Protein backbone atom coordinates (compact mmCIF):
# COMPACT_ATOMS: atom_id res chain seq x y z
CA UNK A 1 7.73 20.40 -0.36
CA UNK A 2 7.43 16.73 0.42
CA UNK A 3 4.18 15.02 -0.32
CA UNK A 4 2.37 12.83 2.15
CA UNK A 5 2.02 9.10 1.46
CA UNK A 6 -1.04 7.18 2.58
CA UNK A 7 -0.91 3.38 2.93
CA UNK A 8 -3.59 0.81 3.40
CA UNK A 9 -3.70 -2.94 3.74
CA UNK A 10 -6.70 -4.78 2.31
CA UNK A 11 -7.59 -8.30 3.45
CA UNK A 12 -8.67 -10.26 0.37
CA UNK A 13 -11.24 -13.08 0.42
CA UNK A 14 -8.58 -15.61 -0.68
CA UNK A 15 -6.56 -15.02 2.52
CA UNK A 16 -3.88 -12.83 0.89
CA UNK A 17 -3.38 -9.12 1.39
CA UNK A 18 -3.00 -6.17 -0.95
CA UNK A 19 -1.05 -3.02 0.05
CA UNK A 20 -1.70 0.34 -1.63
CA UNK A 21 0.39 3.47 -1.27
CA UNK A 22 -0.95 6.79 -2.52
CA UNK A 23 1.41 9.71 -2.92
CA UNK A 24 -0.43 13.03 -2.83
CA UNK A 25 -2.24 14.14 -4.77
CA UNK A 26 -3.15 11.11 -6.89
CA UNK A 27 -0.35 8.66 -7.69
CA UNK A 28 -1.23 5.15 -6.38
CA UNK A 29 0.92 2.03 -6.32
CA UNK A 30 -0.36 -1.40 -5.42
CA UNK A 31 1.37 -4.57 -4.19
CA UNK A 32 -0.95 -7.54 -4.60
CA UNK A 33 -0.98 -11.01 -3.09
CA UNK A 34 1.11 -10.49 0.01
CA UNK A 35 1.11 -13.79 1.94
CA UNK A 36 0.69 -12.49 5.50
CA UNK A 37 -0.36 -9.39 7.41
CA UNK A 38 3.10 -9.31 9.00
CA UNK A 39 4.74 -9.19 5.55
CA UNK A 40 2.41 -6.38 4.47
CA UNK A 41 3.25 -4.39 7.57
CA UNK A 42 7.01 -4.97 6.98
CA UNK A 43 6.55 -3.64 3.47
CA UNK A 44 4.92 -0.48 4.82
CA UNK A 45 7.72 -0.14 7.40
CA UNK A 46 10.29 -0.33 4.62
CA UNK A 47 8.37 2.31 2.61
CA UNK A 48 8.18 4.46 5.77
CA UNK A 49 11.96 4.27 6.18
CA UNK A 50 12.58 5.24 2.56
CA UNK A 51 10.07 8.10 2.58
CA UNK A 52 11.34 9.45 5.93
CA UNK A 53 14.78 9.80 4.33
CA UNK A 54 13.11 11.88 1.63
CA UNK A 55 11.14 13.97 4.14
CA UNK A 56 7.71 12.55 3.25
CA UNK A 57 5.55 11.25 6.11
CA UNK A 58 3.77 7.89 5.60
CA UNK A 59 0.31 7.63 7.12
CA UNK A 60 -1.68 4.44 7.63
CA UNK A 61 -5.32 4.55 6.42
CA UNK A 62 -7.95 2.19 7.79
CA UNK A 63 -10.24 0.71 5.11
CA UNK A 64 -13.96 0.28 5.47
CA UNK A 65 -15.12 -3.21 4.42
CA UNK A 66 -17.01 -1.92 1.39
CA UNK A 67 -13.83 -0.34 0.07
CA UNK A 68 -12.09 -3.73 0.12
CA UNK A 69 -14.30 -4.82 -2.75
CA UNK A 70 -13.10 -2.02 -5.03
CA UNK A 71 -11.76 -3.02 -8.43
CA UNK A 72 -7.95 -3.27 -8.22
CA UNK A 73 -7.66 -2.45 -11.90
CA UNK A 74 -8.71 1.18 -11.42
CA UNK A 75 -7.05 3.76 -13.60
CA UNK A 76 -3.99 5.41 -12.08
CA UNK A 77 -2.85 2.40 -10.06
CA UNK A 78 0.51 0.83 -10.78
CA UNK A 79 1.15 -2.68 -9.58
CA UNK A 80 4.36 -3.33 -7.64
CA UNK A 81 6.33 -6.56 -7.77
CA UNK A 82 4.77 -8.97 -5.29
CA UNK A 83 7.91 -11.09 -5.11
CA UNK A 84 9.77 -11.70 -1.89
CA UNK A 85 11.74 -8.98 -0.18
CA UNK A 86 10.97 -5.73 1.50
């Protein structure tokens, strides 16, 4: 059975964006320092395309402002390459 994937984009105080993707039940990946909101959304679209091929739906999660201040170094989060490309 395919697991659902939840994505969120967090607007950082320095003007960059972080993208997190959580695969049920508890595996979280994080891409930090994305230059623009459009780039972050393209990254999620690419993830959505990949996961659709695997039969796993990707859902967008809205973040409350107080969650944006969470520590990015939480246990269980893997950082993804923030280099260019989708």
